[in-house]
């Protein structure tokens, strides 16, 4: 097995890691290994279609019908000559 050193850890983060390790009855190293293992075993999030995700989230609520304003014709660009 290999080892690694993590430098510049915030004191508050280290304190929280120590408290969480103590609550689980293990060393800080073992707690950090478990956190890394869990984070990396979840797999990479799949890129998705944002519109489909939003539609799926709101579909059970019945959706929404929006009144769209009529569009006006585009104006002529200014003559810069």
PDB file of N, CA and C in Angstrom:
ATOM      1  N   UNK A   1       0.843  -1.189   0.000  1.00  0.00           N
ATOM      2  CA  UNK A   1       0.000   0.000   0.000  1.00  0.00           C
ATOM      3  C   UNK A   1       0.878   1.239   0.000  1.00  0.00           C
ATOM      4  N   UNK A   2       0.337   2.283  -0.556  1.00  0.00           N
ATOM      5  CA  UNK A   2       1.077   3.530  -0.580  1.00  0.00           C
ATOM      6  C   UNK A   2       0.511   4.490   0.461  1.00  0.00           C
ATOM      7  N   UNK A   3       1.234   5.555   0.663  1.00  0.00           N
ATOM      8  CA  UNK A   3       0.775   6.547   1.631  1.00  0.00           C
ATOM      9  C   UNK A   3       0.831   7.919   0.976  1.00  0.00           C
ATOM     10  N   UNK A   4       0.118   8.872   1.572  1.00  0.00           N
ATOM     11  CA  UNK A   4       0.143  10.239   1.076  1.00  0.00           C
ATOM     12  C   UNK A   4       0.020  11.200   2.248  1.00  0.00           C
ATOM     13  N   UNK A   5       0.507  12.389   2.031  1.00  0.00           N
ATOM     14  CA  UNK A   5       0.445  13.430   3.046  1.00  0.00           C
ATOM     15  C   UNK A   5      -0.439  14.542   2.524  1.00  0.00           C
ATOM     16  N   UNK A   6      -1.335  15.011   3.366  1.00  0.00           N
ATOM     17  CA  UNK A   6      -2.200  16.124   2.985  1.00  0.00           C
ATOM     18  C   UNK A   6      -1.810  17.316   3.850  1.00  0.00           C
ATOM     19  N   UNK A   7      -1.350  18.343   3.196  1.00  0.00           N
ATOM     20  CA  UNK A   7      -0.891  19.530   3.917  1.00  0.00           C
ATOM     21  C   UNK A   7      -1.966  20.611   3.907  1.00  0.00           C
ATOM     22  N   UNK A   8      -1.788  21.574   4.788  1.00  0.00           N
ATOM     23  CA  UNK A   8      -2.622  22.777   4.853  1.00  0.00           C
ATOM     24  C   UNK A   8      -4.102  22.473   5.074  1.00  0.00           C
ATOM     25  N   UNK A   9      -4.385  21.547   5.963  1.00  0.00           N
ATOM     26  CA  UNK A   9      -5.773  21.260   6.328  1.00  0.00           C
ATOM     27  C   UNK A   9      -6.207  22.270   7.375  1.00  0.00           C
ATOM     28  N   UNK A  10      -7.355  22.841   7.163  1.00  0.00           N
ATOM     29  CA  UNK A  10      -7.922  23.809   8.095  1.00  0.00           C
ATOM     30  C   UNK A  10      -8.059  23.167   9.472  1.00  0.00           C
ATOM     31  N   UNK A  11      -7.748  23.915  10.528  1.00  0.00           N
ATOM     32  CA  UNK A  11      -7.835  23.380  11.895  1.00  0.00           C
ATOM     33  C   UNK A  11      -9.236  22.885  12.235  1.00  0.00           C
ATOM     34  N   UNK A  12     -10.255  23.614  11.786  1.00  0.00           N
ATOM     35  CA  UNK A  12     -11.628  23.197  12.055  1.00  0.00           C
ATOM     36  C   UNK A  12     -11.963  21.881  11.371  1.00  0.00           C
ATOM     37  N   UNK A  13     -11.472  21.701  10.154  1.00  0.00           N
ATOM     38  CA  UNK A  13     -11.715  20.460   9.424  1.00  0.00           C
ATOM     39  C   UNK A  13     -11.027  19.287  10.111  1.00  0.00           C
ATOM     40  N   UNK A  14      -9.806  19.513  10.559  1.00  0.00           N
ATOM     41  CA  UNK A  14      -9.076  18.451  11.259  1.00  0.00           C
ATOM     42  C   UNK A  14      -9.788  18.082  12.561  1.00  0.00           C
ATOM     43  N   UNK A  15     -10.280  19.082  13.275  1.00  0.00           N
ATOM     44  CA  UNK A  15     -11.003  18.840  14.525  1.00  0.00           C
ATOM     45  C   UNK A  15     -12.259  18.007  14.262  1.00  0.00           C
ATOM     46  N   UNK A  16     -12.995  18.369  13.178  1.00  0.00           N
ATOM     47  CA  UNK A  16     -14.207  17.616  12.839  1.00  0.00           C
ATOM     48  C   UNK A  16     -13.876  16.181  12.452  1.00  0.00           C
ATOM     49  N   UNK A  17     -12.782  15.981  11.730  1.00  0.00           N
ATOM     50  CA  UNK A  17     -12.354  14.632  11.357  1.00  0.00           C
ATOM     51  C   UNK A  17     -12.015  13.826  12.604  1.00  0.00           C
ATOM     52  N   UNK A  18     -11.304  14.443  13.539  1.00  0.00           N
ATOM     53  CA  UNK A  18     -10.936  13.750  14.781  1.00  0.00           C
ATOM     54  C   UNK A  18     -12.180  13.371  15.577  1.00  0.00           C
ATOM     55  N   UNK A  19     -13.154  14.276  15.658  1.00  0.00           N
ATOM     56  CA  UNK A  19     -14.377  13.991  16.411  1.00  0.00           C
ATOM     57  C   UNK A  19     -15.201  12.891  15.734  1.00  0.00           C
ATOM     58  N   UNK A  20     -15.270  12.936  14.402  1.00  0.00           N
ATOM     59  CA  UNK A  20     -16.024  11.910  13.678  1.00  0.00           C
ATOM     60  C   UNK A  20     -15.337  10.558  13.814  1.00  0.00           C
ATOM     61  N   UNK A  21     -14.004  10.542  13.764  1.00  0.00           N
ATOM     62  CA  UNK A  21     -13.259   9.290  13.924  1.00  0.00           C
ATOM     63  C   UNK A  21     -13.503   8.719  15.318  1.00  0.00           C
ATOM     64  N   UNK A  22     -13.485   9.575  16.326  1.00  0.00           N
ATOM     65  CA  UNK A  22     -13.720   9.111  17.693  1.00  0.00           C
ATOM     66  C   UNK A  22     -15.140   8.556  17.842  1.00  0.00           C
ATOM     67  N   UNK A  23     -16.088   9.206  17.193  1.00  0.00           N
ATOM     68  CA  UNK A  23     -17.470   8.727  17.272  1.00  0.00           C
ATOM     69  C   UNK A  23     -17.623   7.356  16.625  1.00  0.00           C
ATOM     70  N   UNK A  24     -16.804   7.082  15.603  1.00  0.00           N
ATOM     71  CA  UNK A  24     -16.856   5.789  14.926  1.00  0.00           C
ATOM     72  C   UNK A  24     -15.867   4.774  15.521  1.00  0.00           C
ATOM     73  N   UNK A  25     -15.120   5.206  16.528  1.00  0.00           N
ATOM     74  CA  UNK A  25     -14.190   4.301  17.209  1.00  0.00           C
ATOM     75  C   UNK A  25     -12.993   3.900  16.364  1.00  0.00           C
ATOM     76  N   UNK A  26     -12.477   4.824  15.574  1.00  0.00           N
ATOM     77  CA  UNK A  26     -11.300   4.502  14.765  1.00  0.00           C
ATOM     78  C   UNK A  26     -10.365   5.695  14.684  1.00  0.00           C
ATOM     79  N   UNK A  27      -9.206   5.473  14.098  1.00  0.00           N
ATOM     80  CA  UNK A  27      -8.202   6.532  13.999  1.00  0.00           C
ATOM     81  C   UNK A  27      -8.615   7.544  12.936  1.00  0.00           C
ATOM     82  N   UNK A  28      -7.965   8.714  12.978  1.00  0.00           N
ATOM     83  CA  UNK A  28      -8.235   9.729  11.970  1.00  0.00           C
ATOM     84  C   UNK A  28      -7.844   9.228  10.588  1.00  0.00           C
ATOM     85  N   UNK A  29      -6.749   8.491  10.501  1.00  0.00           N
ATOM     86  CA  UNK A  29      -6.318   7.934   9.213  1.00  0.00           C
ATOM     87  C   UNK A  29      -7.374   6.996   8.644  1.00  0.00           C
ATOM     88  N   UNK A  30      -7.878   6.100   9.472  1.00  0.00           N
ATOM     89  CA  UNK A  30      -8.888   5.152   9.006  1.00  0.00           C
ATOM     90  C   UNK A  30     -10.170   5.879   8.628  1.00  0.00           C
ATOM     91  N   UNK A  31     -10.528   6.906   9.374  1.00  0.00           N
ATOM     92  CA  UNK A  31     -11.721   7.690   9.053  1.00  0.00           C
ATOM     93  C   UNK A  31     -11.544   8.381   7.702  1.00  0.00           C
ATOM     94  N   UNK A  32     -10.368   8.969   7.470  1.00  0.00           N
ATOM     95  CA  UNK A  32     -10.093   9.636   6.195  1.00  0.00           C
ATOM     96  C   UNK A  32     -10.135   8.625   5.046  1.00  0.00           C
ATOM     97  N   UNK A  33      -9.570   7.434   5.260  1.00  0.00           N
ATOM     98  CA  UNK A  33      -9.614   6.390   4.219  1.00  0.00           C
ATOM     99  C   UNK A  33     -11.058   6.008   3.912  1.00  0.00           C
ATOM    100  N   UNK A  34     -11.875   5.878   4.950  1.00  0.00           N
ATOM    101  CA  UNK A  34     -13.272   5.509   4.746  1.00  0.00           C
ATOM    102  C   UNK A  34     -14.029   6.602   3.988  1.00  0.00           C
ATOM    103  N   UNK A  35     -13.772   7.854   4.321  1.00  0.00           N
ATOM    104  CA  UNK A  35     -14.412   8.971   3.629  1.00  0.00           C
ATOM    105  C   UNK A  35     -14.013   8.974   2.153  1.00  0.00           C
ATOM    106  N   UNK A  36     -12.716   8.800   1.866  1.00  0.00           N
ATOM    107  CA  UNK A  36     -12.254   8.753   0.481  1.00  0.00           C
ATOM    108  C   UNK A  36     -12.855   7.570  -0.264  1.00  0.00           C
ATOM    109  N   UNK A  37     -12.877   6.417   0.395  1.00  0.00           N
ATOM    110  CA  UNK A  37     -13.433   5.208  -0.226  1.00  0.00           C
ATOM    111  C   UNK A  37     -14.895   5.432  -0.596  1.00  0.00           C
ATOM    112  N   UNK A  38     -15.654   5.987   0.327  1.00  0.00           N
ATOM    113  CA  UNK A  38     -17.083   6.219   0.072  1.00  0.00           C
ATOM    114  C   UNK A  38     -17.290   7.254  -1.025  1.00  0.00           C
ATOM    115  N   UNK A  39     -16.501   8.305  -1.007  1.00  0.00           N
ATOM    116  CA  UNK A  39     -16.664   9.370  -2.001  1.00  0.00           C
ATOM    117  C   UNK A  39     -16.311   8.880  -3.403  1.00  0.00           C
ATOM    118  N   UNK A  40     -15.290   8.045  -3.499  1.00  0.00           N
ATOM    119  CA  UNK A  40     -14.849   7.602  -4.819  1.00  0.00           C
ATOM    120  C   UNK A  40     -15.596   6.386  -5.325  1.00  0.00           C
ATOM    121  N   UNK A  41     -16.264   5.656  -4.463  1.00  0.00           N
ATOM    122  CA  UNK A  41     -17.005   4.483  -4.916  1.00  0.00           C
ATOM    123  C   UNK A  41     -18.386   4.860  -5.440  1.00  0.00           C
ATOM    124  N   UNK A  42     -18.823   6.076  -5.171  1.00  0.00           N
ATOM    125  CA  UNK A  42     -20.141   6.515  -5.624  1.00  0.00           C
ATOM    126  C   UNK A  42     -20.186   6.657  -7.134  1.00  0.00           C
ATOM    127  N   UNK A  43     -19.052   6.757  -7.787  1.00  0.00           N
ATOM    128  CA  UNK A  43     -19.013   6.910  -9.237  1.00  0.00           C
ATOM    129  C   UNK A  43     -19.164   8.360  -9.636  1.00  0.00           C
ATOM    130  N   UNK A  44     -18.735   8.624 -10.835  1.00  0.00           N
ATOM    131  CA  UNK A  44     -18.810   9.989 -11.339  1.00  0.00           C
ATOM    132  C   UNK A  44     -20.246  10.315 -11.731  1.00  0.00           C
ATOM    133  N   UNK A  45     -20.682  11.526 -11.437  1.00  0.00           N
ATOM    134  CA  UNK A  45     -22.039  11.896 -11.843  1.00  0.00           C
ATOM    135  C   UNK A  45     -22.126  11.927 -13.361  1.00  0.00           C
ATOM    136  N   UNK A  46     -23.222  11.392 -13.868  1.00  0.00           N
ATOM    137  CA  UNK A  46     -23.410  11.362 -15.313  1.00  0.00           C
ATOM    138  C   UNK A  46     -23.905  12.716 -15.789  1.00  0.00           C
ATOM    139  N   UNK A  47     -23.302  13.248 -16.843  1.00  0.00           N
ATOM    140  CA  UNK A  47     -23.832  14.505 -17.370  1.00  0.00           C
ATOM    141  C   UNK A  47     -25.218  14.251 -17.941  1.00  0.00           C
ATOM    142  N   UNK A  48     -26.098  15.144 -17.689  1.00  0.00           N
ATOM    143  CA  UNK A  48     -27.467  14.946 -18.135  1.00  0.00           C
ATOM    144  C   UNK A  48     -28.016  16.160 -18.845  1.00  0.00           C
ATOM    145  N   UNK A  49     -29.216  16.035 -19.243  1.00  0.00           N
ATOM    146  CA  UNK A  49     -29.913  17.110 -19.911  1.00  0.00           C
ATOM    147  C   UNK A  49     -30.660  17.903 -18.842  1.00  0.00           C
ATOM    148  N   UNK A  50     -30.297  19.157 -18.670  1.00  0.00           N
ATOM    149  CA  UNK A  50     -30.886  19.981 -17.621  1.00  0.00           C
ATOM    150  C   UNK A  50     -32.389  20.140 -17.813  1.00  0.00           C
ATOM    151  N   UNK A  51     -32.822  20.340 -19.047  1.00  0.00           N
ATOM    152  CA  UNK A  51     -34.252  20.512 -19.299  1.00  0.00           C
ATOM    153  C   UNK A  51     -35.031  19.263 -18.904  1.00  0.00           C
ATOM    154  N   UNK A  52     -34.500  18.086 -19.231  1.00  0.00           N
ATOM    155  CA  UNK A  52     -35.176  16.836 -18.861  1.00  0.00           C
ATOM    156  C   UNK A  52     -35.215  16.661 -17.347  1.00  0.00           C
ATOM    157  N   UNK A  53     -34.134  17.039 -16.680  1.00  0.00           N
ATOM    158  CA  UNK A  53     -34.084  16.906 -15.227  1.00  0.00           C
ATOM    159  C   UNK A  53     -35.121  17.818 -14.564  1.00  0.00           C
ATOM    160  N   UNK A  54     -35.245  19.033 -15.059  1.00  0.00           N
ATOM    161  CA  UNK A  54     -36.226  19.966 -14.508  1.00  0.00           C
ATOM    162  C   UNK A  54     -37.637  19.460 -14.777  1.00  0.00           C
ATOM    163  N   UNK A  55     -37.877  18.997 -16.007  1.00  0.00           N
ATOM    164  CA  UNK A  55     -39.201  18.474 -16.369  1.00  0.00           C
ATOM    165  C   UNK A  55     -39.568  17.294 -15.481  1.00  0.00           C
ATOM    166  N   UNK A  56     -38.608  16.386 -15.258  1.00  0.00           N
ATOM    167  CA  UNK A  56     -38.867  15.213 -14.414  1.00  0.00           C
ATOM    168  C   UNK A  56     -39.163  15.626 -12.976  1.00  0.00           C
ATOM    169  N   UNK A  57     -38.497  16.661 -12.502  1.00  0.00           N
ATOM    170  CA  UNK A  57     -38.700  17.124 -11.131  1.00  0.00           C
ATOM    171  C   UNK A  57     -40.095  17.697 -10.934  1.00  0.00           C
ATOM    172  N   UNK A  58     -40.594  18.433 -11.934  1.00  0.00           N
ATOM    173  CA  UNK A  58     -41.872  19.120 -11.788  1.00  0.00           C
ATOM    174  C   UNK A  58     -43.054  18.370 -12.393  1.00  0.00           C
ATOM    175  N   UNK A  59     -42.822  17.309 -13.130  1.00  0.00           N
ATOM    176  CA  UNK A  59     -43.913  16.557 -13.752  1.00  0.00           C
ATOM    177  C   UNK A  59     -44.936  16.055 -12.736  1.00  0.00           C
ATOM    178  N   UNK A  60     -44.531  15.538 -11.575  1.00  0.00           N
ATOM    179  CA  UNK A  60     -45.537  15.074 -10.613  1.00  0.00           C
ATOM    180  C   UNK A  60     -46.444  16.188 -10.087  1.00  0.00           C
ATOM    181  N   UNK A  61     -46.022  17.427 -10.222  1.00  0.00           N
ATOM    182  CA  UNK A  61     -46.822  18.548  -9.727  1.00  0.00           C
ATOM    183  C   UNK A  61     -47.843  19.024 -10.749  1.00  0.00           C
ATOM    184  N   UNK A  62     -47.811  18.437 -11.951  1.00  0.00           N
ATOM    185  CA  UNK A  62     -48.793  18.804 -12.957  1.00  0.00           C
ATOM    186  C   UNK A  62     -48.298  19.793 -13.982  1.00  0.00           C
ATOM    187  N   UNK A  63     -47.084  20.244 -13.863  1.00  0.00           N
ATOM    188  CA  UNK A  63     -46.542  21.173 -14.847  1.00  0.00           C
ATOM    189  C   UNK A  63     -47.143  22.557 -14.713  1.00  0.00           C
ATOM    190  N   UNK A  64     -46.836  23.396 -15.673  1.00  0.00           N
ATOM    191  CA  UNK A  64     -47.339  24.763 -15.674  1.00  0.00           C
ATOM    192  C   UNK A  64     -47.461  25.233 -17.111  1.00  0.00           C
ATOM    193  N   UNK A  65     -48.530  25.907 -17.397  1.00  0.00           N
ATOM    194  CA  UNK A  65     -48.727  26.498 -18.716  1.00  0.00           C
ATOM    195  C   UNK A  65     -48.435  27.988 -18.583  1.00  0.00           C
ATOM    196  N   UNK A  66     -47.583  28.483 -19.425  1.00  0.00           N
ATOM    197  CA  UNK A  66     -47.205  29.888 -19.380  1.00  0.00           C
ATOM    198  C   UNK A  66     -47.780  30.610 -20.582  1.00  0.00           C
ATOM    199  N   UNK A  67     -48.305  31.789 -20.367  1.00  0.00           N
ATOM    200  CA  UNK A  67     -48.765  32.631 -21.469  1.00  0.00           C
ATOM    201  C   UNK A  67     -47.556  33.377 -22.009  1.00  0.00           C
ATOM    202  N   UNK A  68     -47.280  33.161 -23.278  1.00  0.00           N
ATOM    203  CA  UNK A  68     -46.147  33.833 -23.896  1.00  0.00           C
ATOM    204  C   UNK A  68     -46.620  35.088 -24.597  1.00  0.00           C
ATOM    205  N   UNK A  69     -45.891  36.150 -24.424  1.00  0.00           N
ATOM    206  CA  UNK A  69     -46.219  37.409 -25.082  1.00  0.00           C
ATOM    207  C   UNK A  69     -45.943  37.281 -26.577  1.00  0.00           C
ATOM    208  N   UNK A  70     -46.738  38.005 -27.377  1.00  0.00           N
ATOM    209  CA  UNK A  70     -46.496  38.007 -28.814  1.00  0.00           C
ATOM    210  C   UNK A  70     -45.179  38.726 -29.085  1.00  0.00           C
ATOM    211  N   UNK A  71     -44.442  38.208 -30.028  1.00  0.00           N
ATOM    212  CA  UNK A  71     -43.163  38.829 -30.366  1.00  0.00           C
ATOM    213  C   UNK A  71     -43.359  39.885 -31.440  1.00  0.00           C
ATOM    214  N   UNK A  72     -42.556  40.912 -31.346  1.00  0.00           N
ATOM    215  CA  UNK A  72     -42.588  41.965 -32.349  1.00  0.00           C
ATOM    216  C   UNK A  72     -41.525  41.676 -33.388  1.00  0.00           C
ATOM    217  N   UNK A  73     -41.704  42.248 -34.563  1.00  0.00           N
ATOM    218  CA  UNK A  73     -40.706  42.079 -35.614  1.00  0.00           C
ATOM    219  C   UNK A  73     -39.420  42.778 -35.193  1.00  0.00           C
ATOM    220  N   UNK A  74     -38.294  42.285 -35.683  1.00  0.00           N
ATOM    221  CA  UNK A  74     -37.008  42.901 -35.344  1.00  0.00           C
ATOM    222  C   UNK A  74     -36.925  44.273 -36.006  1.00  0.00           C
ATOM    223  N   UNK A  75     -36.350  45.194 -35.344  1.00  0.00           N
ATOM    224  CA  UNK A  75     -36.196  46.538 -35.926  1.00  0.00           C
ATOM    225  C   UNK A  75     -35.034  46.522 -36.907  1.00  0.00           C
ATOM    226  N   UNK A  76     -35.062  47.461 -37.775  1.00  0.00           N
ATOM    227  CA  UNK A  76     -33.988  47.594 -38.760  1.00  0.00           C
ATOM    228  C   UNK A  76     -32.726  48.087 -38.048  1.00  0.00           C
ATOM    229  N   UNK A  77     -31.572  47.502 -38.409  1.00  0.00           N
ATOM    230  CA  UNK A  77     -30.328  47.984 -37.781  1.00  0.00           C
ATOM    231  C   UNK A  77     -30.030  49.410 -38.223  1.00  0.00           C
ATOM    232  N   UNK A  78     -29.358  50.173 -37.404  1.00  0.00           N
ATOM    233  CA  UNK A  78     -29.052  51.568 -37.774  1.00  0.00           C
ATOM    234  C   UNK A  78     -28.063  51.610 -38.942  1.00  0.00           C
ATOM    235  N   UNK A  79     -28.174  52.615 -39.742  1.00  0.00           N
ATOM    236  CA  UNK A  79     -27.258  52.823 -40.852  1.00  0.00           C
ATOM    237  C   UNK A  79     -26.047  53.584 -40.333  1.00  0.00           C
ATOM    238  N   UNK A  80     -24.910  52.958 -40.321  1.00  0.00           N
ATOM    239  CA  UNK A  80     -23.708  53.574 -39.770  1.00  0.00           C
ATOM    240  C   UNK A  80     -22.835  54.202 -40.839  1.00  0.00           C
ATOM    241  N   UNK A  81     -23.345  54.300 -42.044  1.00  0.00           N
ATOM    242  CA  UNK A  81     -22.546  54.875 -43.131  1.00  0.00           C
ATOM    243  C   UNK A  81     -22.429  56.383 -43.030  1.00  0.00           C
TER     244      UNK A  81
END
